[in-house]
Amino acid sequence: MNKFNAIVGLCLLTPWAYVVSLQAEVIKPLYALPYVVIYGRDSCPFTRNMKKELKRAAIPYHYKIIDRPNVQQSLFARMEASGFTTDAFTLPVVDVNNTLMVHPTPPKVINYYFFDE
């Protein structure tokens, strides 16, 4: 099974989120700091909720649809370089200021955006 098929339709509820800081010398930030990138899909309720809560908190974000091959390839490279598995994971994946989070809660992303914690 290829990696694309492994995540198609994957949008599961899990009680935890993973956070990994990307190594600056390995993976460069996508944008000038501060920034938020949400990787998800429109059909995922967790992705929709993340977008809604960031908008409510007045945090600008970039949204990338995981089903697009170029987006998926870029995300998988970032995930693998930071030690995440790409076999199966829960959406959304969020990059906050070059820190990757898999299925974080909106408050965690908001807090990290403002306080780097």
PDB file of N, CA and C in Angstrom:
ATOM      1  N   MET A   1       0.854  -1.176   0.000  1.00  0.00           N
ATOM      2  CA  MET A   1       0.000   0.000   0.000  1.00  0.00           C
ATOM      3  C   MET A   1       0.897   1.234   0.000  1.00  0.00           C
ATOM      4  N   ASN A   2       0.619   2.194  -0.878  1.00  0.00           N
ATOM      5  CA  ASN A   2       1.447   3.387  -0.894  1.00  0.00           C
ATOM      6  C   ASN A   2       0.965   4.373   0.161  1.00  0.00           C
ATOM      7  N   LYS A   3       1.774   5.396   0.396  1.00  0.00           N
ATOM      8  CA  LYS A   3       1.471   6.349   1.469  1.00  0.00           C
ATOM      9  C   LYS A   3       0.198   7.130   1.194  1.00  0.00           C
ATOM     10  N   PHE A   4      -0.070   7.421  -0.069  1.00  0.00           N
ATOM     11  CA  PHE A   4      -1.277   8.158  -0.395  1.00  0.00           C
ATOM     12  C   PHE A   4      -2.517   7.369   0.013  1.00  0.00           C
ATOM     13  N   ASN A   5      -2.552   6.085  -0.317  1.00  0.00           N
ATOM     14  CA  ASN A   5      -3.698   5.254   0.044  1.00  0.00           C
ATOM     15  C   ASN A   5      -3.828   5.088   1.546  1.00  0.00           C
ATOM     16  N   ALA A   6      -2.708   5.160   2.256  1.00  0.00           N
ATOM     17  CA  ALA A   6      -2.744   4.966   3.698  1.00  0.00           C
ATOM     18  C   ALA A   6      -3.478   6.093   4.405  1.00  0.00           C
ATOM     19  N   ILE A   7      -3.467   7.301   3.831  1.00  0.00           N
ATOM     20  CA  ILE A   7      -4.131   8.399   4.531  1.00  0.00           C
ATOM     21  C   ILE A   7      -5.468   8.783   3.934  1.00  0.00           C
ATOM     22  N   VAL A   8      -5.809   8.229   2.783  1.00  0.00           N
ATOM     23  CA  VAL A   8      -7.088   8.576   2.181  1.00  0.00           C
ATOM     24  C   VAL A   8      -8.206   8.170   3.142  1.00  0.00           C
ATOM     25  N   GLY A   9      -9.004   9.106   3.497  1.00  0.00           N
ATOM     26  CA  GLY A   9     -10.125   8.839   4.390  1.00  0.00           C
ATOM     27  C   GLY A   9      -9.743   8.799   5.863  1.00  0.00           C
ATOM     28  N   LEU A  10      -8.460   8.980   6.181  1.00  0.00           N
ATOM     29  CA  LEU A  10      -8.034   8.890   7.572  1.00  0.00           C
ATOM     30  C   LEU A  10      -8.302  10.208   8.278  1.00  0.00           C
ATOM     31  N   CYS A  11      -9.174  10.183   9.215  1.00  0.00           N
ATOM     32  CA  CYS A  11      -9.482  11.361  10.008  1.00  0.00           C
ATOM     33  C   CYS A  11     -10.126  10.821  11.283  1.00  0.00           C
ATOM     34  N   LEU A  12      -9.309  10.332  12.176  1.00  0.00           N
ATOM     35  CA  LEU A  12      -9.780   9.623  13.357  1.00  0.00           C
ATOM     36  C   LEU A  12      -9.650  10.469  14.608  1.00  0.00           C
ATOM     37  N   LEU A  13     -10.482  10.190  15.587  1.00  0.00           N
ATOM     38  CA  LEU A  13     -10.396  10.849  16.876  1.00  0.00           C
ATOM     39  C   LEU A  13      -9.359  10.137  17.725  1.00  0.00           C
ATOM     40  N   THR A  14      -8.385  10.890  18.218  1.00  0.00           N
ATOM     41  CA  THR A  14      -7.401  10.329  19.138  1.00  0.00           C
ATOM     42  C   THR A  14      -7.278  11.283  20.312  1.00  0.00           C
ATOM     43  N   PRO A  15      -6.955  10.771  21.489  1.00  0.00           N
ATOM     44  CA  PRO A  15      -6.907  11.618  22.674  1.00  0.00           C
ATOM     45  C   PRO A  15      -5.574  12.325  22.869  1.00  0.00           C
ATOM     46  N   TRP A  16      -4.694  12.314  21.903  1.00  0.00           N
ATOM     47  CA  TRP A  16      -3.387  12.927  22.084  1.00  0.00           C
ATOM     48  C   TRP A  16      -2.953  13.632  20.810  1.00  0.00           C
ATOM     49  N   ALA A  17      -1.963  14.464  20.961  1.00  0.00           N
ATOM     50  CA  ALA A  17      -1.356  15.124  19.808  1.00  0.00           C
ATOM     51  C   ALA A  17       0.144  14.994  19.947  1.00  0.00           C
ATOM     52  N   TYR A  18       0.795  14.885  18.833  1.00  0.00           N
ATOM     53  CA  TYR A  18       2.246  14.781  18.824  1.00  0.00           C
ATOM     54  C   TYR A  18       2.826  16.098  18.362  1.00  0.00           C
ATOM     55  N   VAL A  19       3.926  16.506  18.978  1.00  0.00           N
ATOM     56  CA  VAL A  19       4.586  17.748  18.618  1.00  0.00           C
ATOM     57  C   VAL A  19       6.071  17.465  18.448  1.00  0.00           C
ATOM     58  N   VAL A  20       6.630  17.917  17.347  1.00  0.00           N
ATOM     59  CA  VAL A  20       8.058  17.746  17.100  1.00  0.00           C
ATOM     60  C   VAL A  20       8.583  19.034  16.492  1.00  0.00           C
ATOM     61  N   SER A  21       9.644  19.588  17.070  1.00  0.00           N
ATOM     62  CA  SER A  21      10.288  20.748  16.472  1.00  0.00           C
ATOM     63  C   SER A  21      11.146  20.269  15.324  1.00  0.00           C
ATOM     64  N   LEU A  22      11.002  20.931  14.197  1.00  0.00           N
ATOM     65  CA  LEU A  22      11.776  20.558  13.028  1.00  0.00           C
ATOM     66  C   LEU A  22      13.178  21.152  13.158  1.00  0.00           C
ATOM     67  N   GLN A  23      14.173  20.395  12.797  1.00  0.00           N
ATOM     68  CA  GLN A  23      15.545  20.863  12.874  1.00  0.00           C
ATOM     69  C   GLN A  23      15.756  21.938  11.809  1.00  0.00           C
ATOM     70  N   ALA A  24      16.189  23.130  12.238  1.00  0.00           N
ATOM     71  CA  ALA A  24      16.361  24.250  11.313  1.00  0.00           C
ATOM     72  C   ALA A  24      17.356  23.918  10.210  1.00  0.00           C
ATOM     73  N   GLU A  25      18.393  23.137  10.521  1.00  0.00           N
ATOM     74  CA  GLU A  25      19.380  22.822   9.507  1.00  0.00           C
ATOM     75  C   GLU A  25      18.886  21.730   8.547  1.00  0.00           C
ATOM     76  N   VAL A  26      17.842  20.994   8.932  1.00  0.00           N
ATOM     77  CA  VAL A  26      17.297  19.949   8.086  1.00  0.00           C
ATOM     78  C   VAL A  26      16.095  20.468   7.312  1.00  0.00           C
ATOM     79  N   ILE A  27      15.164  21.065   8.004  1.00  0.00           N
ATOM     80  CA  ILE A  27      13.944  21.573   7.396  1.00  0.00           C
ATOM     81  C   ILE A  27      13.852  23.064   7.682  1.00  0.00           C
ATOM     82  N   LYS A  28      13.725  23.827   6.640  1.00  0.00           N
ATOM     83  CA  LYS A  28      13.623  25.276   6.800  1.00  0.00           C
ATOM     84  C   LYS A  28      12.158  25.672   6.981  1.00  0.00           C
ATOM     85  N   PRO A  29      11.909  26.762   7.709  1.00  0.00           N
ATOM     86  CA  PRO A  29      10.526  27.238   7.840  1.00  0.00           C
ATOM     87  C   PRO A  29       9.911  27.493   6.468  1.00  0.00           C
ATOM     88  N   LEU A  30       8.625  27.277   6.370  1.00  0.00           N
ATOM     89  CA  LEU A  30       7.932  27.477   5.099  1.00  0.00           C
ATOM     90  C   LEU A  30       7.708  28.952   4.778  1.00  0.00           C
ATOM     91  N   TYR A  31       7.553  29.757   5.811  1.00  0.00           N
ATOM     92  CA  TYR A  31       7.247  31.173   5.653  1.00  0.00           C
ATOM     93  C   TYR A  31       8.021  31.957   6.698  1.00  0.00           C
ATOM     94  N   ALA A  32       7.983  33.277   6.573  1.00  0.00           N
ATOM     95  CA  ALA A  32       8.554  34.126   7.609  1.00  0.00           C
ATOM     96  C   ALA A  32       7.751  33.916   8.896  1.00  0.00           C
ATOM     97  N   LEU A  33       8.429  33.920  10.020  1.00  0.00           N
ATOM     98  CA  LEU A  33       7.758  33.716  11.300  1.00  0.00           C
ATOM     99  C   LEU A  33       6.989  34.963  11.687  1.00  0.00           C
ATOM    100  N   PRO A  34       5.895  34.861  12.374  1.00  0.00           N
ATOM    101  CA  PRO A  34       5.190  33.635  12.748  1.00  0.00           C
ATOM    102  C   PRO A  34       4.291  33.150  11.605  1.00  0.00           C
ATOM    103  N   TYR A  35       4.020  31.856  11.606  1.00  0.00           N
ATOM    104  CA  TYR A  35       3.116  31.296  10.606  1.00  0.00           C
ATOM    105  C   TYR A  35       2.457  30.025  11.120  1.00  0.00           C
ATOM    106  N   VAL A  36       1.328  29.706  10.504  1.00  0.00           N
ATOM    107  CA  VAL A  36       0.611  28.458  10.763  1.00  0.00           C
ATOM    108  C   VAL A  36       0.216  27.870   9.415  1.00  0.00           C
ATOM    109  N   VAL A  37       0.480  26.584   9.242  1.00  0.00           N
ATOM    110  CA  VAL A  37       0.021  25.857   8.070  1.00  0.00           C
ATOM    111  C   VAL A  37      -0.810  24.680   8.560  1.00  0.00           C
ATOM    112  N   ILE A  38      -2.020  24.568   8.054  1.00  0.00           N
ATOM    113  CA  ILE A  38      -2.890  23.444   8.374  1.00  0.00           C
ATOM    114  C   ILE A  38      -2.897  22.515   7.161  1.00  0.00           C
ATOM    115  N   TYR A  39      -2.525  21.253   7.384  1.00  0.00           N
ATOM    116  CA  TYR A  39      -2.626  20.226   6.351  1.00  0.00           C
ATOM    117  C   TYR A  39      -3.833  19.370   6.699  1.00  0.00           C
ATOM    118  N   GLY A  40      -4.798  19.306   5.826  1.00  0.00           N
ATOM    119  CA  GLY A  40      -5.984  18.520   6.117  1.00  0.00           C
ATOM    120  C   GLY A  40      -6.810  18.306   4.871  1.00  0.00           C
ATOM    121  N   ARG A  41      -8.066  18.017   5.102  1.00  0.00           N
ATOM    122  CA  ARG A  41      -9.008  17.878   3.985  1.00  0.00           C
ATOM    123  C   ARG A  41     -10.342  18.465   4.424  1.00  0.00           C
ATOM    124  N   ASP A  42     -11.071  18.958   3.449  1.00  0.00           N
ATOM    125  CA  ASP A  42     -12.336  19.634   3.731  1.00  0.00           C
ATOM    126  C   ASP A  42     -13.352  18.727   4.403  1.00  0.00           C
ATOM    127  N   SER A  43     -13.289  17.433   4.149  1.00  0.00           N
ATOM    128  CA  SER A  43     -14.261  16.499   4.724  1.00  0.00           C
ATOM    129  C   SER A  43     -13.955  16.120   6.170  1.00  0.00           C
ATOM    130  N   CYS A  44     -12.805  16.532   6.682  1.00  0.00           N
ATOM    131  CA  CYS A  44     -12.400  16.164   8.048  1.00  0.00           C
ATOM    132  C   CYS A  44     -12.963  17.169   9.059  1.00  0.00           C
ATOM    133  N   PRO A  45     -13.772  16.709  10.014  1.00  0.00           N
ATOM    134  CA  PRO A  45     -14.327  17.640  10.994  1.00  0.00           C
ATOM    135  C   PRO A  45     -13.266  18.269  11.885  1.00  0.00           C
ATOM    136  N   PHE A  46     -12.171  17.571  12.145  1.00  0.00           N
ATOM    137  CA  PHE A  46     -11.108  18.129  12.983  1.00  0.00           C
ATOM    138  C   PHE A  46     -10.378  19.252  12.243  1.00  0.00           C
ATOM    139  N   THR A  47     -10.191  19.071  10.945  1.00  0.00           N
ATOM    140  CA  THR A  47      -9.574  20.117  10.128  1.00  0.00           C
ATOM    141  C   THR A  47     -10.492  21.338  10.074  1.00  0.00           C
ATOM    142  N   ARG A  48     -11.775  21.124   9.841  1.00  0.00           N
ATOM    143  CA  ARG A  48     -12.727  22.244   9.786  1.00  0.00           C
ATOM    144  C   ARG A  48     -12.760  22.989  11.110  1.00  0.00           C
ATOM    145  N   ASN A  49     -12.743  22.255  12.215  1.00  0.00           N
ATOM    146  CA  ASN A  49     -12.758  22.886  13.536  1.00  0.00           C
ATOM    147  C   ASN A  49     -11.484  23.694  13.770  1.00  0.00           C
ATOM    148  N   MET A  50     -10.335  23.168  13.362  1.00  0.00           N
ATOM    149  CA  MET A  50      -9.074  23.893  13.533  1.00  0.00           C
ATOM    150  C   MET A  50      -9.135  25.222  12.775  1.00  0.00           C
ATOM    151  N   LYS A  51      -9.589  25.181  11.538  1.00  0.00           N
ATOM    152  CA  LYS A  51      -9.695  26.403  10.743  1.00  0.00           C
ATOM    153  C   LYS A  51     -10.637  27.409  11.412  1.00  0.00           C
ATOM    154  N   LYS A  52     -11.768  26.922  11.902  1.00  0.00           N
ATOM    155  CA  LYS A  52     -12.758  27.793  12.550  1.00  0.00           C
ATOM    156  C   LYS A  52     -12.179  28.454  13.801  1.00  0.00           C
ATOM    157  N   GLU A  53     -11.492  27.670  14.628  1.00  0.00           N
ATOM    158  CA  GLU A  53     -10.952  28.202  15.883  1.00  0.00           C
ATOM    159  C   GLU A  53      -9.794  29.172  15.646  1.00  0.00           C
ATOM    160  N   LEU A  54      -8.960  28.904  14.643  1.00  0.00           N
ATOM    161  CA  LEU A  54      -7.876  29.843  14.344  1.00  0.00           C
ATOM    162  C   LEU A  54      -8.446  31.149  13.801  1.00  0.00           C
ATOM    163  N   LYS A  55      -9.476  31.056  12.990  1.00  0.00           N
ATOM    164  CA  LYS A  55     -10.121  32.271  12.485  1.00  0.00           C
ATOM    165  C   LYS A  55     -10.710  33.061  13.647  1.00  0.00           C
ATOM    166  N   ARG A  56     -11.371  32.365  14.570  1.00  0.00           N
ATOM    167  CA  ARG A  56     -11.955  33.020  15.743  1.00  0.00           C
ATOM    168  C   ARG A  56     -10.890  33.709  16.586  1.00  0.00           C
ATOM    169  N   ALA A  57      -9.687  33.116  16.656  1.00  0.00           N
ATOM    170  CA  ALA A  57      -8.582  33.695  17.430  1.00  0.00           C
ATOM    171  C   ALA A  57      -7.798  34.737  16.629  1.00  0.00           C
ATOM    172  N   ALA A  58      -8.248  35.021  15.422  1.00  0.00           N
ATOM    173  CA  ALA A  58      -7.610  36.009  14.540  1.00  0.00           C
ATOM    174  C   ALA A  58      -6.165  35.630  14.196  1.00  0.00           C
ATOM    175  N   ILE A  59      -5.936  34.328  14.027  1.00  0.00           N
ATOM    176  CA  ILE A  59      -4.619  33.834  13.630  1.00  0.00           C
ATOM    177  C   ILE A  59      -4.672  33.514  12.136  1.00  0.00           C
ATOM    178  N   PRO A  60      -3.845  34.197  11.349  1.00  0.00           N
ATOM    179  CA  PRO A  60      -3.819  33.873   9.923  1.00  0.00           C
ATOM    180  C   PRO A  60      -3.173  32.505   9.709  1.00  0.00           C
ATOM    181  N   TYR A  61      -3.646  31.783   8.717  1.00  0.00           N
ATOM    182  CA  TYR A  61      -3.077  30.466   8.450  1.00  0.00           C
ATOM    183  C   TYR A  61      -3.107  30.181   6.957  1.00  0.00           C
ATOM    184  N   HIS A  62      -2.250  29.254   6.559  1.00  0.00           N
ATOM    185  CA  HIS A  62      -2.243  28.721   5.204  1.00  0.00           C
ATOM    186  C   HIS A  62      -2.893  27.344   5.295  1.00  0.00           C
ATOM    187  N   TYR A  63      -3.759  27.035   4.364  1.00  0.00           N
ATOM    188  CA  TYR A  63      -4.436  25.741   4.355  1.00  0.00           C
ATOM    189  C   TYR A  63      -3.988  24.959   3.131  1.00  0.00           C
ATOM    190  N   LYS A  64      -3.512  23.741   3.370  1.00  0.00           N
ATOM    191  CA  LYS A  64      -3.044  22.889   2.286  1.00  0.00           C
ATOM    192  C   LYS A  64      -3.818  21.578   2.314  1.00  0.00           C
ATOM    193  N   ILE A  65      -4.380  21.230   1.186  1.00  0.00           N
ATOM    194  CA  ILE A  65      -5.193  20.019   1.082  1.00  0.00           C
ATOM    195  C   ILE A  65      -4.275  18.819   0.872  1.00  0.00           C
ATOM    196  N   ILE A  66      -4.313  17.904   1.805  1.00  0.00           N
ATOM    197  CA  ILE A  66      -3.408  16.754   1.855  1.00  0.00           C
ATOM    198  C   ILE A  66      -3.559  15.817   0.657  1.00  0.00           C
ATOM    199  N   ASP A  67      -4.689  15.854  -0.008  1.00  0.00           N
ATOM    200  CA  ASP A  67      -4.923  14.946  -1.132  1.00  0.00           C
ATOM    201  C   ASP A  67      -4.225  15.381  -2.419  1.00  0.00           C
ATOM    202  N   ARG A  68      -3.659  16.560  -2.430  1.00  0.00           N
ATOM    203  CA  ARG A  68      -2.907  17.013  -3.605  1.00  0.00           C
ATOM    204  C   ARG A  68      -1.504  16.417  -3.542  1.00  0.00           C
ATOM    205  N   PRO A  69      -1.081  15.740  -4.612  1.00  0.00           N
ATOM    206  CA  PRO A  69       0.203  15.018  -4.578  1.00  0.00           C
ATOM    207  C   PRO A  69       1.413  15.872  -4.175  1.00  0.00           C
ATOM    208  N   ASN A  70       1.511  17.109  -4.669  1.00  0.00           N
ATOM    209  CA  ASN A  70       2.663  17.936  -4.317  1.00  0.00           C
ATOM    210  C   ASN A  70       2.632  18.343  -2.840  1.00  0.00           C
ATOM    211  N   VAL A  71       1.441  18.579  -2.308  1.00  0.00           N
ATOM    212  CA  VAL A  71       1.297  18.913  -0.886  1.00  0.00           C
ATOM    213  C   VAL A  71       1.662  17.697  -0.042  1.00  0.00           C
ATOM    214  N   GLN A  72       1.134  16.555  -0.418  1.00  0.00           N
ATOM    215  CA  GLN A  72       1.407  15.323   0.320  1.00  0.00           C
ATOM    216  C   GLN A  72       2.905  14.998   0.332  1.00  0.00           C
ATOM    217  N   GLN A  73       3.539  15.120  -0.808  1.00  0.00           N
ATOM    218  CA  GLN A  73       4.969  14.825  -0.899  1.00  0.00           C
ATOM    219  C   GLN A  73       5.780  15.757   0.004  1.00  0.00           C
ATOM    220  N   SER A  74       5.454  17.034  -0.013  1.00  0.00           N
ATOM    221  CA  SER A  74       6.151  18.008   0.826  1.00  0.00           C
ATOM    222  C   SER A  74       5.925  17.716   2.313  1.00  0.00           C
ATOM    223  N   LEU A  75       4.670  17.458   2.687  1.00  0.00           N
ATOM    224  CA  LEU A  75       4.362  17.164   4.089  1.00  0.00           C
ATOM    225  C   LEU A  75       5.060  15.886   4.539  1.00  0.00           C
ATOM    226  N   PHE A  76       5.000  14.837   3.742  1.00  0.00           N
ATOM    227  CA  PHE A  76       5.636  13.579   4.133  1.00  0.00           C
ATOM    228  C   PHE A  76       7.132  13.755   4.323  1.00  0.00           C
ATOM    229  N   ALA A  77       7.770  14.535   3.486  1.00  0.00           N
ATOM    230  CA  ALA A  77       9.207  14.787   3.643  1.00  0.00           C
ATOM    231  C   ALA A  77       9.475  15.502   4.961  1.00  0.00           C
ATOM    232  N   ARG A  78       8.646  16.477   5.297  1.00  0.00           N
ATOM    233  CA  ARG A  78       8.810  17.208   6.562  1.00  0.00           C
ATOM    234  C   ARG A  78       8.544  16.287   7.760  1.00  0.00           C
ATOM    235  N   MET A  79       7.512  15.465   7.651  1.00  0.00           N
ATOM    236  CA  MET A  79       7.194  14.549   8.745  1.00  0.00           C
ATOM    237  C   MET A  79       8.321  13.533   8.959  1.00  0.00           C
ATOM    238  N   GLU A  80       8.787  12.922   7.889  1.00  0.00           N
ATOM    239  CA  GLU A  80       9.843  11.915   8.003  1.00  0.00           C
ATOM    240  C   GLU A  80      11.137  12.518   8.531  1.00  0.00           C
ATOM    241  N   ALA A  81      11.464  13.727   8.084  1.00  0.00           N
ATOM    242  CA  ALA A  81      12.681  14.396   8.559  1.00  0.00           C
ATOM    243  C   ALA A  81      12.602  14.721  10.047  1.00  0.00           C
ATOM    244  N   SER A  82      11.387  14.851  10.551  1.00  0.00           N
ATOM    245  CA  SER A  82      11.224  15.178  11.966  1.00  0.00           C
ATOM    246  C   SER A  82      10.905  13.962  12.834  1.00  0.00           C
ATOM    247  N   GLY A  83      10.918  12.771  12.236  1.00  0.00           N
ATOM    248  CA  GLY A  83      10.752  11.558  13.030  1.00  0.00           C
ATOM    249  C   GLY A  83       9.345  11.005  13.091  1.00  0.00           C
ATOM    250  N   PHE A  84       8.401  11.613  12.389  1.00  0.00           N
ATOM    251  CA  PHE A  84       7.037  11.089  12.361  1.00  0.00           C
ATOM    252  C   PHE A  84       6.917   9.978  11.334  1.00  0.00           C
ATOM    253  N   THR A  85       6.037   9.037  11.594  1.00  0.00           N
ATOM    254  CA  THR A  85       5.702   8.032  10.603  1.00  0.00           C
ATOM    255  C   THR A  85       4.640   8.604   9.675  1.00  0.00           C
ATOM    256  N   THR A  86       4.677   8.186   8.434  1.00  0.00           N
ATOM    257  CA  THR A  86       3.664   8.639   7.491  1.00  0.00           C
ATOM    258  C   THR A  86       2.758   7.491   7.058  1.00  0.00           C
ATOM    259  N   ASP A  87       2.897   6.351   7.735  1.00  0.00           N
ATOM    260  CA  ASP A  87       2.070   5.193   7.399  1.00  0.00           C
ATOM    261  C   ASP A  87       0.597   5.457   7.704  1.00  0.00           C
ATOM    262  N   ALA A  88       0.335   6.034   8.847  1.00  0.00           N
ATOM    263  CA  ALA A  88      -1.026   6.381   9.249  1.00  0.00           C
ATOM    264  C   ALA A  88      -0.937   7.467  10.304  1.00  0.00           C
ATOM    265  N   PHE A  89      -1.761   8.468  10.182  1.00  0.00           N
ATOM    266  CA  PHE A  89      -1.789   9.544  11.166  1.00  0.00           C
ATOM    267  C   PHE A  89      -3.145  10.225  11.093  1.00  0.00           C
ATOM    268  N   THR A  90      -3.455  10.971  12.109  1.00  0.00           N
ATOM    269  CA  THR A  90      -4.743  11.631  12.224  1.00  0.00           C
ATOM    270  C   THR A  90      -4.611  13.092  11.801  1.00  0.00           C
ATOM    271  N   LEU A  91      -5.559  13.556  11.036  1.00  0.00           N
ATOM    272  CA  LEU A  91      -5.582  14.952  10.608  1.00  0.00           C
ATOM    273  C   LEU A  91      -6.258  15.827  11.649  1.00  0.00           C
ATOM    274  N   PRO A  92      -5.956  17.105  11.636  1.00  0.00           N
ATOM    275  CA  PRO A  92      -5.016  17.764  10.769  1.00  0.00           C
ATOM    276  C   PRO A  92      -3.586  17.642  11.283  1.00  0.00           C
ATOM    277  N   VAL A  93      -2.649  17.903  10.393  1.00  0.00           N
ATOM    278  CA  VAL A  93      -1.255  18.105  10.769  1.00  0.00           C
ATOM    279  C   VAL A  93      -1.047  19.610  10.679  1.00  0.00           C
ATOM    280  N   VAL A  94      -0.459  20.192  11.719  1.00  0.00           N
ATOM    281  CA  VAL A  94      -0.300  21.639  11.772  1.00  0.00           C
ATOM    282  C   VAL A  94       1.172  21.979  11.982  1.00  0.00           C
ATOM    283  N   ASP A  95       1.664  22.906  11.199  1.00  0.00           N
ATOM    284  CA  ASP A  95       3.029  23.429  11.331  1.00  0.00           C
ATOM    285  C   ASP A  95       2.910  24.840  11.885  1.00  0.00           C
ATOM    286  N   VAL A  96       3.399  25.034  13.112  1.00  0.00           N
ATOM    287  CA  VAL A  96       3.380  26.352  13.739  1.00  0.00           C
ATOM    288  C   VAL A  96       4.828  26.792  13.914  1.00  0.00           C
ATOM    289  N   ASN A  97       5.224  27.772  13.140  1.00  0.00           N
ATOM    290  CA  ASN A  97       6.576  28.327  13.260  1.00  0.00           C
ATOM    291  C   ASN A  97       7.661  27.261  13.187  1.00  0.00           C
ATOM    292  N   ASN A  98       7.490  26.318  12.265  1.00  0.00           N
ATOM    293  CA  ASN A  98       8.442  25.232  12.035  1.00  0.00           C
ATOM    294  C   ASN A  98       8.410  24.158  13.120  1.00  0.00           C
ATOM    295  N   THR A  99       7.309  24.077  13.838  1.00  0.00           N
ATOM    296  CA  THR A  99       7.068  22.999  14.783  1.00  0.00           C
ATOM    297  C   THR A  99       5.861  22.220  14.283  1.00  0.00           C
ATOM    298  N   LEU A 100       6.074  20.945  14.030  1.00  0.00           N
ATOM    299  CA  LEU A 100       5.032  20.096  13.459  1.00  0.00           C
ATOM    300  C   LEU A 100       4.213  19.442  14.563  1.00  0.00           C
ATOM    301  N   MET A 101       2.880  19.473  14.406  1.00  0.00           N
ATOM    302  CA  MET A 101       1.962  18.864  15.370  1.00  0.00           C
ATOM    303  C   MET A 101       0.984  17.983  14.601  1.00  0.00           C
ATOM    304  N   VAL A 102       0.793  16.765  15.076  1.00  0.00           N
ATOM    305  CA  VAL A 102      -0.164  15.853  14.465  1.00  0.00           C
ATOM    306  C   VAL A 102      -1.398  15.792  15.351  1.00  0.00           C
ATOM    307  N   HIS A 103      -2.525  16.181  14.781  1.00  0.00           N
ATOM    308  CA  HIS A 103      -3.822  16.184  15.459  1.00  0.00           C
ATOM    309  C   HIS A 103      -3.804  16.946  16.787  1.00  0.00           C
ATOM    310  N   PRO A 104      -3.295  18.177  16.772  1.00  0.00           N
ATOM    311  CA  PRO A 104      -3.317  18.956  18.018  1.00  0.00           C
ATOM    312  C   PRO A 104      -4.701  19.551  18.260  1.00  0.00           C
ATOM    313  N   THR A 105      -4.949  19.975  19.465  1.00  0.00           N
ATOM    314  CA  THR A 105      -6.180  20.692  19.758  1.00  0.00           C
ATOM    315  C   THR A 105      -6.003  22.145  19.320  1.00  0.00           C
ATOM    316  N   PRO A 106      -7.087  22.822  18.982  1.00  0.00           N
ATOM    317  CA  PRO A 106      -6.961  24.243  18.642  1.00  0.00           C
ATOM    318  C   PRO A 106      -6.304  25.080  19.753  1.00  0.00           C
ATOM    319  N   PRO A 107      -6.653  24.877  21.034  1.00  0.00           N
ATOM    320  CA  PRO A 107      -5.974  25.673  22.068  1.00  0.00           C
ATOM    321  C   PRO A 107      -4.452  25.455  22.088  1.00  0.00           C
ATOM    322  N   LYS A 108      -4.002  24.245  21.806  1.00  0.00           N
ATOM    323  CA  LYS A 108      -2.561  23.985  21.783  1.00  0.00           C
ATOM    324  C   LYS A 108      -1.899  24.791  20.658  1.00  0.00           C
ATOM    325  N   VAL A 109      -2.511  24.808  19.487  1.00  0.00           N
ATOM    326  CA  VAL A 109      -1.964  25.561  18.357  1.00  0.00           C
ATOM    327  C   VAL A 109      -1.981  27.057  18.663  1.00  0.00           C
ATOM    328  N   ILE A 110      -3.079  27.549  19.186  1.00  0.00           N
ATOM    329  CA  ILE A 110      -3.199  28.971  19.515  1.00  0.00           C
ATOM    330  C   ILE A 110      -2.152  29.363  20.547  1.00  0.00           C
ATOM    331  N   ASN A 111      -2.000  28.574  21.581  1.00  0.00           N
ATOM    332  CA  ASN A 111      -1.009  28.861  22.614  1.00  0.00           C
ATOM    333  C   ASN A 111       0.400  28.848  22.032  1.00  0.00           C
ATOM    334  N   TYR A 112       0.696  27.865  21.211  1.00  0.00           N
ATOM    335  CA  TYR A 112       2.025  27.767  20.621  1.00  0.00           C
ATOM    336  C   TYR A 112       2.292  28.939  19.685  1.00  0.00           C
ATOM    337  N   TYR A 113       1.304  29.365  18.950  1.00  0.00           N
ATOM    338  CA  TYR A 113       1.462  30.497  18.043  1.00  0.00           C
ATOM    339  C   TYR A 113       1.846  31.767  18.806  1.00  0.00           C
ATOM    340  N   PHE A 114       1.157  32.015  19.907  1.00  0.00           N
ATOM    341  CA  PHE A 114       1.399  33.238  20.659  1.00  0.00           C
ATOM    342  C   PHE A 114       2.575  33.140  21.634  1.00  0.00           C
ATOM    343  N   PHE A 115       2.814  31.959  22.189  1.00  0.00           N
ATOM    344  CA  PHE A 115       3.796  31.835  23.267  1.00  0.00           C
ATOM    345  C   PHE A 115       4.899  30.825  23.005  1.00  0.00           C
ATOM    346  N   ASP A 116       4.883  30.128  21.862  1.00  0.00           N
ATOM    347  CA  ASP A 116       5.877  29.096  21.565  1.00  0.00           C
ATOM    348  C   ASP A 116       5.977  28.049  22.665  1.00  0.00           C
ATOM    349  N   GLU A 117       4.838  27.669  23.208  1.00  0.00           N
ATOM    350  CA  GLU A 117       4.824  26.656  24.281  1.00  0.00           C
ATOM    351  C   GLU A 117       3.858  25.547  23.921  1.00  0.00           C
TER     352      GLU A 117
END
